[in-house]
PDB file of N, CA and C in Angstrom:
ATOM      1  N   UNK A   1     -60.607  63.937 167.853  1.00  0.00           N
ATOM      2  CA  UNK A   1     -60.249  62.698 168.537  1.00  0.00           C
ATOM      3  C   UNK A   1     -61.368  61.735 167.890  1.00  0.00           C
ATOM      4  N   UNK A   2     -60.922  60.521 167.459  1.00  0.00           N
ATOM      5  CA  UNK A   2     -61.824  59.642 167.092  1.00  0.00           C
ATOM      6  C   UNK A   2     -61.368  58.216 167.614  1.00  0.00           C
ATOM      7  N   UNK A   3     -61.832  57.960 168.907  1.00  0.00           N
ATOM      8  CA  UNK A   3     -61.469  56.863 169.724  1.00  0.00           C
ATOM      9  C   UNK A   3     -62.077  55.560 169.106  1.00  0.00           C
ATOM     10  N   UNK A   4     -61.364  54.325 169.296  1.00  0.00           N
ATOM     11  CA  UNK A   4     -61.890  53.089 168.923  1.00  0.00           C
ATOM     12  C   UNK A   4     -62.166  52.203 170.254  1.00  0.00           C
ATOM     13  N   UNK A   5     -62.863  51.120 170.035  1.00  0.00           N
ATOM     14  CA  UNK A   5     -62.989  50.126 171.078  1.00  0.00           C
ATOM     15  C   UNK A   5     -61.808  49.908 171.750  1.00  0.00           C
ATOM     16  N   UNK A   6     -61.616  49.911 173.070  1.00  0.00           N
ATOM     17  CA  UNK A   6     -60.655  49.739 173.832  1.00  0.00           C
ATOM     18  C   UNK A   6     -59.749  50.989 174.291  1.00  0.00           C
ATOM     19  N   UNK A   7     -60.177  52.089 173.715  1.00  0.00           N
ATOM     20  CA  UNK A   7     -59.413  53.340 174.069  1.00  0.00           C
ATOM     21  C   UNK A   7     -60.102  53.965 175.352  1.00  0.00           C
ATOM     22  N   UNK A   8     -59.256  54.574 176.177  1.00  0.00           N
ATOM     23  CA  UNK A   8     -59.675  55.090 177.415  1.00  0.00           C
ATOM     24  C   UNK A   8     -59.611  56.772 177.138  1.00  0.00           C
ATOM     25  N   UNK A   9     -60.696  57.360 177.288  1.00  0.00           N
ATOM     26  CA  UNK A   9     -60.559  58.824 176.815  1.00  0.00           C
ATOM     27  C   UNK A   9     -61.371  59.665 178.343  1.00  0.00           C
ATOM     28  N   UNK A  10     -60.976  60.816 178.383  1.00  0.00           N
ATOM     29  CA  UNK A  10     -61.438  61.620 179.463  1.00  0.00           C
ATOM     30  C   UNK A  10     -62.683  62.505 178.746  1.00  0.00           C
ATOM     31  N   UNK A  11     -63.740  62.542 179.529  1.00  0.00           N
ATOM     32  CA  UNK A  11     -64.937  63.286 179.274  1.00  0.00           C
ATOM     33  C   UNK A  11     -65.718  63.650 180.514  1.00  0.00           C
ATOM     34  N   UNK A  12     -66.544  64.503 180.263  1.00  0.00           N
ATOM     35  CA  UNK A  12     -67.423  65.095 181.417  1.00  0.00           C
ATOM     36  C   UNK A  12     -68.192  63.841 181.979  1.00  0.00           C
ATOM     37  N   UNK A  13     -68.424  63.669 183.177  1.00  0.00           N
ATOM     38  CA  UNK A  13     -69.261  62.822 183.879  1.00  0.00           C
ATOM     39  C   UNK A  13     -70.735  63.167 184.217  1.00  0.00           C
ATOM     40  N   UNK A  14     -71.715  62.729 183.670  1.00  0.00           N
ATOM     41  CA  UNK A  14     -73.124  63.360 183.905  1.00  0.00           C
ATOM     42  C   UNK A  14     -73.590  62.896 185.250  1.00  0.00           C
ATOM     43  N   UNK A  15     -72.949  61.787 185.925  1.00  0.00           N
ATOM     44  CA  UNK A  15     -73.181  61.358 187.284  1.00  0.00           C
ATOM     45  C   UNK A  15     -72.471  62.138 188.483  1.00  0.00           C
ATOM     46  N   UNK A  16     -71.624  62.864 188.178  1.00  0.00           N
ATOM     47  CA  UNK A  16     -70.722  63.649 189.117  1.00  0.00           C
ATOM     48  C   UNK A  16     -71.358  64.985 189.513  1.00  0.00           C
ATOM     49  N   UNK A  17     -71.251  65.373 190.797  1.00  0.00           N
ATOM     50  CA  UNK A  17     -71.658  66.554 191.236  1.00  0.00           C
ATOM     51  C   UNK A  17     -70.280  67.353 191.676  1.00  0.00           C
ATOM     52  N   UNK A  18     -70.380  68.720 191.799  1.00  0.00           N
ATOM     53  CA  UNK A  18     -69.249  69.438 192.366  1.00  0.00           C
ATOM     54  C   UNK A  18     -68.385  69.941 191.168  1.00  0.00           C
ATOM     55  N   UNK A  19     -67.253  70.460 191.435  1.00  0.00           N
ATOM     56  CA  UNK A  19     -66.419  70.950 190.542  1.00  0.00           C
ATOM     57  C   UNK A  19     -65.631  69.998 189.545  1.00  0.00           C
ATOM     58  N   UNK A  20     -65.348  68.855 190.007  1.00  0.00           N
ATOM     59  CA  UNK A  20     -64.582  67.704 189.253  1.00  0.00           C
ATOM     60  C   UNK A  20     -65.596  66.939 188.554  1.00  0.00           C
ATOM     61  N   UNK A  21     -65.838  67.280 187.211  1.00  0.00           N
ATOM     62  CA  UNK A  21     -66.906  66.583 186.459  1.00  0.00           C
ATOM     63  C   UNK A  21     -66.436  65.755 185.398  1.00  0.00           C
ATOM     64  N   UNK A  22     -65.058  65.614 185.319  1.00  0.00           N
ATOM     65  CA  UNK A  22     -64.581  64.525 184.442  1.00  0.00           C
ATOM     66  C   UNK A  22     -64.237  63.287 184.863  1.00  0.00           C
ATOM     67  N   UNK A  23     -64.126  62.287 184.106  1.00  0.00           N
ATOM     68  CA  UNK A  23     -63.539  61.116 184.403  1.00  0.00           C
ATOM     69  C   UNK A  23     -63.133  60.336 183.192  1.00  0.00           C
ATOM     70  N   UNK A  24     -62.085  59.323 183.337  1.00  0.00           N
ATOM     71  CA  UNK A  24     -61.972  58.374 182.227  1.00  0.00           C
ATOM     72  C   UNK A  24     -62.893  57.426 181.958  1.00  0.00           C
ATOM     73  N   UNK A  25     -63.207  57.306 180.497  1.00  0.00           N
ATOM     74  CA  UNK A  25     -64.097  56.346 180.093  1.00  0.00           C
ATOM     75  C   UNK A  25     -63.498  55.371 179.252  1.00  0.00           C
ATOM     76  N   UNK A  26     -63.976  54.097 179.357  1.00  0.00           N
ATOM     77  CA  UNK A  26     -63.481  53.052 178.328  1.00  0.00           C
ATOM     78  C   UNK A  26     -64.401  53.013 177.145  1.00  0.00           C
ATOM     79  N   UNK A  27     -64.083  53.191 176.032  1.00  0.00           N
ATOM     80  CA  UNK A  27     -64.866  53.073 174.656  1.00  0.00           C
ATOM     81  C   UNK A  27     -65.238  51.641 174.640  1.00  0.00           C
ATOM     82  N   UNK A  28     -66.502  51.249 174.556  1.00  0.00           N
ATOM     83  CA  UNK A  28     -66.857  49.722 174.336  1.00  0.00           C
ATOM     84  C   UNK A  28     -67.685  49.498 172.880  1.00  0.00           C
ATOM     85  N   UNK A  29     -68.113  50.726 172.413  1.00  0.00           N
ATOM     86  CA  UNK A  29     -68.758  50.579 171.017  1.00  0.00           C
ATOM     87  C   UNK A  29     -67.657  50.263 169.991  1.00  0.00           C
ATOM     88  N   UNK A  30     -68.278  49.791 168.926  1.00  0.00           N
ATOM     89  CA  UNK A  30     -67.556  49.528 167.804  1.00  0.00           C
ATOM     90  C   UNK A  30     -68.067  50.266 166.587  1.00  0.00           C
ATOM     91  N   UNK A  31     -67.528  49.909 165.436  1.00  0.00           N
ATOM     92  CA  UNK A  31     -68.095  50.726 164.218  1.00  0.00           C
ATOM     93  C   UNK A  31     -69.481  50.362 163.676  1.00  0.00           C
ATOM     94  N   UNK A  32     -70.053  49.364 164.542  1.00  0.00           N
ATOM     95  CA  UNK A  32     -71.517  49.059 164.139  1.00  0.00           C
ATOM     96  C   UNK A  32     -72.448  50.145 164.885  1.00  0.00           C
ATOM     97  N   UNK A  33     -72.046  50.757 165.843  1.00  0.00           N
ATOM     98  CA  UNK A  33     -72.710  51.699 166.596  1.00  0.00           C
ATOM     99  C   UNK A  33     -73.249  52.623 165.473  1.00  0.00           C
ATOM    100  N   UNK A  34     -74.690  52.877 165.937  1.00  0.00           N
ATOM    101  CA  UNK A  34     -75.550  53.728 164.637  1.00  0.00           C
ATOM    102  C   UNK A  34     -74.734  55.063 164.399  1.00  0.00           C
ATOM    103  N   UNK A  35     -74.196  55.671 165.318  1.00  0.00           N
ATOM    104  CA  UNK A  35     -73.621  56.985 165.189  1.00  0.00           C
ATOM    105  C   UNK A  35     -71.991  56.897 165.429  1.00  0.00           C
ATOM    106  N   UNK A  36     -71.364  55.969 165.050  1.00  0.00           N
ATOM    107  CA  UNK A  36     -69.995  55.598 165.200  1.00  0.00           C
ATOM    108  C   UNK A  36     -68.885  56.680 165.122  1.00  0.00           C
ATOM    109  N   UNK A  37     -69.204  57.772 164.369  1.00  0.00           N
ATOM    110  CA  UNK A  37     -68.279  58.787 164.026  1.00  0.00           C
ATOM    111  C   UNK A  37     -68.665  60.062 165.013  1.00  0.00           C
ATOM    112  N   UNK A  38     -69.681  60.011 165.666  1.00  0.00           N
ATOM    113  CA  UNK A  38     -70.150  61.059 166.342  1.00  0.00           C
ATOM    114  C   UNK A  38     -70.459  60.728 167.894  1.00  0.00           C
ATOM    115  N   UNK A  39     -70.669  59.620 168.362  1.00  0.00           N
ATOM    116  CA  UNK A  39     -71.350  59.369 169.570  1.00  0.00           C
ATOM    117  C   UNK A  39     -70.653  57.964 169.947  1.00  0.00           C
ATOM    118  N   UNK A  40     -70.293  57.602 171.192  1.00  0.00           N
ATOM    119  CA  UNK A  40     -69.799  56.319 171.638  1.00  0.00           C
ATOM    120  C   UNK A  40     -70.489  55.861 172.800  1.00  0.00           C
ATOM    121  N   UNK A  41     -70.387  54.478 172.982  1.00  0.00           N
ATOM    122  CA  UNK A  41     -70.788  53.856 174.122  1.00  0.00           C
ATOM    123  C   UNK A  41     -69.536  53.547 175.050  1.00  0.00           C
ATOM    124  N   UNK A  42     -69.615  53.955 176.309  1.00  0.00           N
ATOM    125  CA  UNK A  42     -68.364  53.801 177.132  1.00  0.00           C
ATOM    126  C   UNK A  42     -68.890  53.446 178.590  1.00  0.00           C
ATOM    127  N   UNK A  43     -68.066  52.885 179.341  1.00  0.00           N
ATOM    128  CA  UNK A  43     -68.149  52.582 180.673  1.00  0.00           C
ATOM    129  C   UNK A  43     -67.166  53.445 181.405  1.00  0.00           C
ATOM    130  N   UNK A  44     -67.617  53.589 182.654  1.00  0.00           N
ATOM    131  CA  UNK A  44     -66.867  54.586 183.734  1.00  0.00           C
ATOM    132  C   UNK A  44     -65.611  53.970 184.241  1.00  0.00           C
ATOM    133  N   UNK A  45     -64.622  54.441 184.470  1.00  0.00           N
ATOM    134  CA  UNK A  45     -63.351  54.037 185.194  1.00  0.00           C
ATOM    135  C   UNK A  45     -63.204  54.810 186.382  1.00  0.00           C
ATOM    136  N   UNK A  46     -63.290  54.201 187.572  1.00  0.00           N
ATOM    137  CA  UNK A  46     -63.255  54.835 188.798  1.00  0.00           C
ATOM    138  C   UNK A  46     -62.098  54.440 189.681  1.00  0.00           C
ATOM    139  N   UNK A  47     -61.724  55.160 190.669  1.00  0.00           N
ATOM    140  CA  UNK A  47     -60.684  54.677 191.557  1.00  0.00           C
ATOM    141  C   UNK A  47     -61.256  53.936 192.823  1.00  0.00           C
ATOM    142  N   UNK A  48     -62.588  53.919 192.603  1.00  0.00           N
ATOM    143  CA  UNK A  48     -63.293  53.079 193.828  1.00  0.00           C
ATOM    144  C   UNK A  48     -63.636  51.641 193.262  1.00  0.00           C
ATOM    145  N   UNK A  49     -63.452  50.661 194.194  1.00  0.00           N
ATOM    146  CA  UNK A  49     -63.832  49.356 193.790  1.00  0.00           C
ATOM    147  C   UNK A  49     -65.081  48.942 194.571  1.00  0.00           C
ATOM    148  N   UNK A  50     -65.964  48.507 193.660  1.00  0.00           N
ATOM    149  CA  UNK A  50     -67.311  47.874 194.058  1.00  0.00           C
ATOM    150  C   UNK A  50     -67.375  46.577 193.703  1.00  0.00           C
ATOM    151  N   UNK A  51     -68.451  45.974 194.218  1.00  0.00           N
ATOM    152  CA  UNK A  51     -68.827  44.656 193.639  1.00  0.00           C
ATOM    153  C   UNK A  51     -68.848  44.517 192.332  1.00  0.00           C
ATOM    154  N   UNK A  52     -68.492  43.657 191.463  1.00  0.00           N
ATOM    155  CA  UNK A  52     -68.483  43.521 189.986  1.00  0.00           C
ATOM    156  C   UNK A  52     -67.647  44.585 189.313  1.00  0.00           C
ATOM    157  N   UNK A  53     -66.792  45.390 190.108  1.00  0.00           N
ATOM    158  CA  UNK A  53     -65.801  46.080 189.374  1.00  0.00           C
ATOM    159  C   UNK A  53     -64.691  45.237 188.707  1.00  0.00           C
ATOM    160  N   UNK A  54     -63.989  45.839 187.748  1.00  0.00           N
ATOM    161  CA  UNK A  54     -63.076  44.945 187.079  1.00  0.00           C
ATOM    162  C   UNK A  54     -61.833  45.851 187.088  1.00  0.00           C
ATOM    163  N   UNK A  55     -60.858  45.163 187.779  1.00  0.00           N
ATOM    164  CA  UNK A  55     -59.482  45.798 188.042  1.00  0.00           C
ATOM    165  C   UNK A  55     -58.765  45.997 186.738  1.00  0.00           C
ATOM    166  N   UNK A  56     -58.167  47.276 186.786  1.00  0.00           N
ATOM    167  CA  UNK A  56     -57.373  47.611 185.438  1.00  0.00           C
ATOM    168  C   UNK A  56     -56.027  47.667 185.906  1.00  0.00           C
ATOM    169  N   UNK A  57     -55.336  46.315 186.158  1.00  0.00           N
ATOM    170  CA  UNK A  57     -53.926  46.316 186.542  1.00  0.00           C
ATOM    171  C   UNK A  57     -53.008  46.876 185.331  1.00  0.00           C
ATOM    172  N   UNK A  58     -51.690  47.099 185.680  1.00  0.00           N
ATOM    173  CA  UNK A  58     -50.954  47.593 184.559  1.00  0.00           C
ATOM    174  C   UNK A  58     -50.749  46.682 183.402  1.00  0.00           C
ATOM    175  N   UNK A  59     -51.123  45.155 183.641  1.00  0.00           N
ATOM    176  CA  UNK A  59     -50.747  44.188 182.485  1.00  0.00           C
ATOM    177  C   UNK A  59     -51.845  44.464 181.428  1.00  0.00           C
ATOM    178  N   UNK A  60     -53.060  45.097 181.835  1.00  0.00           N
ATOM    179  CA  UNK A  60     -54.104  45.316 180.905  1.00  0.00           C
ATOM    180  C   UNK A  60     -54.014  46.408 179.953  1.00  0.00           C
ATOM    181  N   UNK A  61     -52.900  47.257 180.226  1.00  0.00           N
ATOM    182  CA  UNK A  61     -52.780  48.475 179.432  1.00  0.00           C
ATOM    183  C   UNK A  61     -51.863  48.217 178.295  1.00  0.00           C
ATOM    184  N   UNK A  62     -52.292  48.414 177.043  1.00  0.00           N
ATOM    185  CA  UNK A  62     -51.377  48.308 175.968  1.00  0.00           C
ATOM    186  C   UNK A  62     -50.348  49.426 175.924  1.00  0.00           C
ATOM    187  N   UNK A  63     -51.070  50.643 176.112  1.00  0.00           N
ATOM    188  CA  UNK A  63     -50.268  51.960 176.266  1.00  0.00           C
ATOM    189  C   UNK A  63     -51.049  53.060 177.078  1.00  0.00           C
ATOM    190  N   UNK A  64     -50.247  53.990 177.693  1.00  0.00           N
ATOM    191  CA  UNK A  64     -50.961  54.948 178.472  1.00  0.00           C
ATOM    192  C   UNK A  64     -51.341  54.217 179.765  1.00  0.00           C
ATOM    193  N   UNK A  65     -52.342  54.963 180.513  1.00  0.00           N
ATOM    194  CA  UNK A  65     -52.775  54.469 181.683  1.00  0.00           C
ATOM    195  C   UNK A  65     -53.414  55.600 182.632  1.00  0.00           C
ATOM    196  N   UNK A  66     -53.568  55.282 183.869  1.00  0.00           N
ATOM    197  CA  UNK A  66     -54.168  56.318 184.848  1.00  0.00           C
ATOM    198  C   UNK A  66     -53.239  56.309 185.951  1.00  0.00           C
ATOM    199  N   UNK A  67     -53.244  57.443 186.601  1.00  0.00           N
ATOM    200  CA  UNK A  67     -52.309  57.617 187.736  1.00  0.00           C
ATOM    201  C   UNK A  67     -52.632  56.969 189.034  1.00  0.00           C
ATOM    202  N   UNK A  68     -53.698  56.386 189.170  1.00  0.00           N
ATOM    203  CA  UNK A  68     -53.831  55.558 190.455  1.00  0.00           C
ATOM    204  C   UNK A  68     -54.626  54.241 190.111  1.00  0.00           C
ATOM    205  N   UNK A  69     -54.587  53.413 191.127  1.00  0.00           N
ATOM    206  CA  UNK A  69     -55.324  51.962 190.970  1.00  0.00           C
ATOM    207  C   UNK A  69     -56.756  52.264 190.575  1.00  0.00           C
ATOM    208  N   UNK A  70     -57.090  51.784 189.338  1.00  0.00           N
ATOM    209  CA  UNK A  70     -58.596  51.940 188.899  1.00  0.00           C
ATOM    210  C   UNK A  70     -59.215  50.751 188.575  1.00  0.00           C
ATOM    211  N   UNK A  71     -60.613  50.909 188.274  1.00  0.00           N
ATOM    212  CA  UNK A  71     -61.488  49.826 188.029  1.00  0.00           C
ATOM    213  C   UNK A  71     -62.531  50.182 187.117  1.00  0.00           C
ATOM    214  N   UNK A  72     -62.829  49.358 186.111  1.00  0.00           N
ATOM    215  CA  UNK A  72     -63.899  49.439 185.270  1.00  0.00           C
ATOM    216  C   UNK A  72     -65.312  49.149 185.897  1.00  0.00           C
ATOM    217  N   UNK A  73     -66.161  50.097 185.671  1.00  0.00           N
ATOM    218  CA  UNK A  73     -67.390  50.029 186.297  1.00  0.00           C
ATOM    219  C   UNK A  73     -68.515  49.640 185.062  1.00  0.00           C
ATOM    220  N   UNK A  74     -68.705  48.427 184.748  1.00  0.00           N
ATOM    221  CA  UNK A  74     -69.578  48.127 183.595  1.00  0.00           C
ATOM    222  C   UNK A  74     -70.992  48.492 183.736  1.00  0.00           C
ATOM    223  N   UNK A  75     -71.549  48.718 184.888  1.00  0.00           N
ATOM    224  CA  UNK A  75     -72.893  49.204 185.075  1.00  0.00           C
ATOM    225  C   UNK A  75     -73.072  50.636 184.847  1.00  0.00           C
ATOM    226  N   UNK A  76     -71.969  51.417 184.757  1.00  0.00           N
ATOM    227  CA  UNK A  76     -72.135  52.813 184.565  1.00  0.00           C
ATOM    228  C   UNK A  76     -71.690  53.208 183.279  1.00  0.00           C
ATOM    229  N   UNK A  77     -72.792  53.209 182.458  1.00  0.00           N
ATOM    230  CA  UNK A  77     -72.639  53.496 180.876  1.00  0.00           C
ATOM    231  C   UNK A  77     -73.021  54.861 180.709  1.00  0.00           C
ATOM    232  N   UNK A  78     -72.303  55.269 179.594  1.00  0.00           N
ATOM    233  CA  UNK A  78     -72.493  56.803 179.201  1.00  0.00           C
ATOM    234  C   UNK A  78     -72.307  56.684 177.663  1.00  0.00           C
ATOM    235  N   UNK A  79     -72.845  57.715 176.982  1.00  0.00           N
ATOM    236  CA  UNK A  79     -72.924  57.963 175.579  1.00  0.00           C
ATOM    237  C   UNK A  79     -72.361  59.269 175.127  1.00  0.00           C
ATOM    238  N   UNK A  80     -71.013  59.464 175.472  1.00  0.00           N
ATOM    239  CA  UNK A  80     -70.391  60.797 175.024  1.00  0.00           C
ATOM    240  C   UNK A  80     -70.346  61.012 173.545  1.00  0.00           C
ATOM    241  N   UNK A  81     -70.521  62.367 173.365  1.00  0.00           N
ATOM    242  CA  UNK A  81     -70.348  62.794 171.836  1.00  0.00           C
ATOM    243  C   UNK A  81     -68.942  63.070 171.780  1.00  0.00           C
ATOM    244  N   UNK A  82     -68.529  63.165 170.379  1.00  0.00           N
ATOM    245  CA  UNK A  82     -67.147  63.342 170.007  1.00  0.00           C
ATOM    246  C   UNK A  82     -66.631  64.621 170.728  1.00  0.00           C
ATOM    247  N   UNK A  83     -67.324  65.675 170.660  1.00  0.00           N
ATOM    248  CA  UNK A  83     -66.988  67.019 171.006  1.00  0.00           C
ATOM    249  C   UNK A  83     -66.728  67.169 172.465  1.00  0.00           C
ATOM    250  N   UNK A  84     -67.387  66.080 173.275  1.00  0.00           N
ATOM    251  CA  UNK A  84     -67.340  66.241 174.630  1.00  0.00           C
ATOM    252  C   UNK A  84     -65.958  65.462 175.226  1.00  0.00           C
ATOM    253  N   UNK A  85     -65.155  64.846 174.257  1.00  0.00           N
ATOM    254  CA  UNK A  85     -63.928  64.241 174.616  1.00  0.00           C
ATOM    255  C   UNK A  85     -62.808  65.111 174.850  1.00  0.00           C
ATOM    256  N   UNK A  86     -62.228  65.110 175.967  1.00  0.00           N
ATOM    257  CA  UNK A  86     -61.198  66.137 176.341  1.00  0.00           C
ATOM    258  C   UNK A  86     -59.791  65.532 176.127  1.00  0.00           C
ATOM    259  N   UNK A  87     -59.476  64.453 176.457  1.00  0.00           N
ATOM    260  CA  UNK A  87     -58.146  63.846 176.022  1.00  0.00           C
ATOM    261  C   UNK A  87     -58.189  62.306 175.995  1.00  0.00           C
ATOM    262  N   UNK A  88     -57.097  61.801 175.469  1.00  0.00           N
ATOM    263  CA  UNK A  88     -56.880  60.274 175.182  1.00  0.00           C
ATOM    264  C   UNK A  88     -55.942  59.803 176.445  1.00  0.00           C
ATOM    265  N   UNK A  89     -56.350  58.841 177.010  1.00  0.00           N
ATOM    266  CA  UNK A  89     -55.418  58.472 178.094  1.00  0.00           C
ATOM    267  C   UNK A  89     -54.649  57.171 178.072  1.00  0.00           C
ATOM    268  N   UNK A  90     -55.114  56.364 177.108  1.00  0.00           N
ATOM    269  CA  UNK A  90     -54.580  55.135 176.680  1.00  0.00           C
ATOM    270  C   UNK A  90     -55.329  53.991 176.112  1.00  0.00           C
ATOM    271  N   UNK A  91     -54.962  52.882 175.970  1.00  0.00           N
ATOM    272  CA  UNK A  91     -55.608  51.666 175.474  1.00  0.00           C
ATOM    273  C   UNK A  91     -55.585  50.457 176.206  1.00  0.00           C
ATOM    274  N   UNK A  92     -56.597  49.744 176.378  1.00  0.00           N
ATOM    275  CA  UNK A  92     -56.605  48.508 177.107  1.00  0.00           C
ATOM    276  C   UNK A  92     -56.455  47.311 176.002  1.00  0.00           C
ATOM    277  N   UNK A  93     -56.002  46.343 176.439  1.00  0.00           N
ATOM    278  CA  UNK A  93     -55.776  44.987 175.713  1.00  0.00           C
ATOM    279  C   UNK A  93     -57.221  44.680 175.112  1.00  0.00           C
ATOM    280  N   UNK A  94     -57.291  43.952 174.064  1.00  0.00           N
ATOM    281  CA  UNK A  94     -58.391  43.397 173.426  1.00  0.00           C
ATOM    282  C   UNK A  94     -59.139  42.485 174.381  1.00  0.00           C
ATOM    283  N   UNK A  95     -58.466  41.699 175.046  1.00  0.00           N
ATOM    284  CA  UNK A  95     -58.965  40.551 175.979  1.00  0.00           C
ATOM    285  C   UNK A  95     -59.724  41.233 177.201  1.00  0.00           C
ATOM    286  N   UNK A  96     -59.068  42.320 177.689  1.00  0.00           N
ATOM    287  CA  UNK A  96     -59.550  43.044 178.834  1.00  0.00           C
ATOM    288  C   UNK A  96     -60.787  43.753 178.526  1.00  0.00           C
ATOM    289  N   UNK A  97     -60.790  44.508 177.157  1.00  0.00           N
ATOM    290  CA  UNK A  97     -61.958  45.079 176.700  1.00  0.00           C
ATOM    291  C   UNK A  97     -63.153  44.123 176.481  1.00  0.00           C
ATOM    292  N   UNK A  98     -62.860  42.911 175.890  1.00  0.00           N
ATOM    293  CA  UNK A  98     -63.923  41.922 175.520  1.00  0.00           C
ATOM    294  C   UNK A  98     -64.408  41.557 176.902  1.00  0.00           C
ATOM    295  N   UNK A  99     -63.663  41.208 177.855  1.00  0.00           N
ATOM    296  CA  UNK A  99     -64.207  40.862 179.192  1.00  0.00           C
ATOM    297  C   UNK A  99     -65.208  41.797 179.890  1.00  0.00           C
ATOM    298  N   UNK A 100     -64.865  43.046 179.530  1.00  0.00           N
ATOM    299  CA  UNK A 100     -65.867  44.204 180.170  1.00  0.00           C
ATOM    300  C   UNK A 100     -67.142  44.174 179.304  1.00  0.00           C
ATOM    301  N   UNK A 101     -66.939  44.291 177.798  1.00  0.00           N
ATOM    302  CA  UNK A 101     -68.158  44.172 177.123  1.00  0.00           C
ATOM    303  C   UNK A 101     -68.969  42.907 177.523  1.00  0.00           C
ATOM    304  N   UNK A 102     -68.393  41.842 177.791  1.00  0.00           N
ATOM    305  CA  UNK A 102     -69.324  40.588 178.147  1.00  0.00           C
ATOM    306  C   UNK A 102     -70.015  40.912 179.460  1.00  0.00           C
ATOM    307  N   UNK A 103     -69.377  41.468 180.369  1.00  0.00           N
ATOM    308  CA  UNK A 103     -70.199  41.743 181.648  1.00  0.00           C
ATOM    309  C   UNK A 103     -71.301  42.812 181.531  1.00  0.00           C
ATOM    310  N   UNK A 104     -71.035  43.882 180.460  1.00  0.00           N
ATOM    311  CA  UNK A 104     -72.027  44.704 180.063  1.00  0.00           C
ATOM    312  C   UNK A 104     -73.178  44.033 179.595  1.00  0.00           C
ATOM    313  N   UNK A 105     -72.901  43.257 178.648  1.00  0.00           N
ATOM    314  CA  UNK A 105     -73.948  42.374 177.925  1.00  0.00           C
ATOM    315  C   UNK A 105     -74.653  41.613 178.820  1.00  0.00           C
ATOM    316  N   UNK A 106     -74.022  40.914 179.579  1.00  0.00           N
ATOM    317  CA  UNK A 106     -74.842  40.021 180.528  1.00  0.00           C
ATOM    318  C   UNK A 106     -75.661  40.641 181.521  1.00  0.00           C
ATOM    319  N   UNK A 107     -75.296  41.835 181.859  1.00  0.00           N
ATOM    320  CA  UNK A 107     -76.097  42.741 182.918  1.00  0.00           C
ATOM    321  C   UNK A 107     -77.354  43.045 182.257  1.00  0.00           C
ATOM    322  N   UNK A 108     -77.494  43.112 180.921  1.00  0.00           N
ATOM    323  CA  UNK A 108     -78.686  43.651 180.105  1.00  0.00           C
ATOM    324  C   UNK A 108     -79.608  42.570 179.740  1.00  0.00           C
ATOM    325  N   UNK A 109     -79.129  41.358 179.948  1.00  0.00           N
ATOM    326  CA  UNK A 109     -80.065  40.092 179.642  1.00  0.00           C
ATOM    327  C   UNK A 109     -81.080  39.781 180.674  1.00  0.00           C
TER     328      UNK A 109
END
């Protein structure tokens, strides 16, 4: 699997405890990432809404999706390796992905 910016993939979650250690992740890195064919920059997708969460309504999915109402968590950043990716779940629109990237960038300034 070689995801691109905007793809939602399943991978292990280094922040979770217990038996369910996977979650969907939105790939936010692009081909300029230093290891773009091996490792990605991603933000967590959660079913829990927090302050600053970004709702992933049906209209922002180009294809695929998640089974429950979900939210992007721009502060929960992970860098999964290609071999850790379990499944592809869908793709968000470019405008939604860019909005999430903007929030990630602004939180780092």
